[in-house]
Amino acid sequence: MKKATQRIIERLPDLEERIHAIEGNMCSEGTLEGLDQIQSTFLKLACFFEGTESEKYYLGYLYRSLDNDWLEFAFELIAEDFFEGSIKI
């Protein structure tokens, strides 16, 4: 599990089981069921970090879904993952 994903779990521990369930696989609508907008946004971000090469993430989704503090945290995670060398461009 990547460090950025671990930080998501630290901040949103209710997502831990779902994140472990998606490791290495793409997110599906079923994994997002019953989550609020913040949880859903960060689970999708974890899917991007942990997913296959075909997993994509659109930054515009962050702007539509998160307020200032959560948005800042999300960008910290993206930068961290990038500097670990695992961002898929």
Protein backbone atom coordinates (compact mmCIF):
# COMPACT_ATOMS: atom_id res chain seq x y z
CA MET A 1 0.00 0.00 0.00
CA LYS A 2 1.30 3.42 -0.92
CA LYS A 3 2.09 6.08 1.65
CA ALA A 4 -0.55 8.46 0.26
CA THR A 5 -3.20 5.75 0.63
CA GLN A 6 -2.09 5.08 4.20
CA ARG A 7 -2.56 8.78 4.96
CA ILE A 8 -6.12 8.58 3.64
CA ILE A 9 -6.80 5.72 6.05
CA GLU A 10 -5.27 7.69 8.95
CA ARG A 11 -7.57 10.63 8.24
CA LEU A 12 -10.64 8.59 7.22
CA PRO A 13 -10.36 5.26 9.08
CA ASP A 14 -13.87 4.16 8.02
CA LEU A 15 -12.48 3.67 4.50
CA GLU A 16 -9.83 1.13 5.50
CA GLU A 17 -11.86 -2.01 4.69
CA ARG A 18 -13.01 -0.62 1.35
CA ILE A 19 -9.48 0.41 0.41
CA HIS A 20 -8.13 -3.04 1.22
CA ALA A 21 -10.93 -4.54 -0.86
CA ILE A 22 -9.95 -2.52 -3.95
CA GLU A 23 -6.16 -2.87 -3.72
CA GLY A 24 -4.86 -3.66 -7.19
CA ASN A 25 -8.32 -3.49 -8.74
CA MET A 26 -10.30 -0.67 -10.22
CA CYS A 27 -13.02 1.08 -8.22
CA SER A 28 -16.57 0.12 -8.96
CA GLU A 29 -19.81 1.88 -8.14
CA GLY A 30 -20.46 -0.80 -5.50
CA THR A 31 -17.38 0.23 -3.50
CA LEU A 32 -18.73 3.79 -3.30
CA GLU A 33 -22.20 2.85 -2.07
CA GLY A 34 -23.28 4.50 1.19
CA LEU A 35 -20.39 6.97 1.38
CA ASP A 36 -20.69 10.72 1.77
CA GLN A 37 -19.07 13.01 -0.80
CA ILE A 38 -15.78 13.42 1.07
CA GLN A 39 -15.39 9.67 1.68
CA SER A 40 -16.30 8.90 -1.91
CA THR A 41 -13.78 11.43 -3.22
CA PHE A 42 -10.93 10.02 -1.15
CA LEU A 43 -11.83 6.41 -1.93
CA LYS A 44 -11.65 7.27 -5.64
CA LEU A 45 -8.29 8.91 -5.02
CA ALA A 46 -7.07 5.78 -3.21
CA CYS A 47 -8.26 3.73 -6.18
CA PHE A 48 -6.13 5.93 -8.40
CA PHE A 49 -3.07 5.51 -6.19
CA GLU A 50 -3.49 1.76 -5.81
CA GLY A 51 -5.09 0.93 -9.13
CA THR A 52 -3.87 -0.42 -12.36
CA GLU A 53 -2.36 1.64 -15.16
CA SER A 54 -5.85 2.14 -16.58
CA GLU A 55 -7.20 3.85 -13.43
CA LYS A 56 -7.73 7.56 -14.09
CA TYR A 57 -8.56 10.49 -11.86
CA TYR A 58 -9.86 13.89 -12.90
CA LEU A 59 -8.66 16.78 -10.76
CA GLY A 60 -11.82 18.74 -11.49
CA TYR A 61 -13.66 16.23 -9.33
CA LEU A 62 -11.65 17.43 -6.33
CA TYR A 63 -12.69 21.04 -6.88
CA ARG A 64 -16.35 20.11 -7.16
CA SER A 65 -16.33 17.77 -4.16
CA LEU A 66 -14.06 19.23 -1.48
CA ASP A 67 -13.74 22.41 0.57
CA ASN A 68 -10.48 24.19 1.39
CA ASP A 69 -9.02 21.91 4.08
CA TRP A 70 -9.98 18.66 2.35
CA LEU A 71 -8.83 20.03 -1.02
CA GLU A 72 -5.45 20.95 0.42
CA PHE A 73 -5.09 17.46 1.91
CA ALA A 74 -5.97 15.85 -1.43
CA PHE A 75 -3.32 17.87 -3.26
CA GLU A 76 -0.75 16.99 -0.59
CA LEU A 77 -1.48 13.31 -1.26
CA ILE A 78 -1.18 13.74 -5.02
CA ALA A 79 2.16 15.53 -4.63
CA GLU A 80 3.38 12.84 -2.23
CA ASP A 81 2.43 10.08 -4.64
CA PHE A 82 4.06 11.96 -7.52
CA PHE A 83 7.33 12.34 -5.66
CA GLU A 84 7.29 8.65 -4.77
CA GLY A 85 7.40 8.13 -8.52
CA SER A 86 4.11 6.33 -8.90
CA ILE A 87 1.83 8.87 -10.59
CA LYS A 88 0.64 7.59 -13.93
CA ILE A 89 0.87 10.34 -16.55
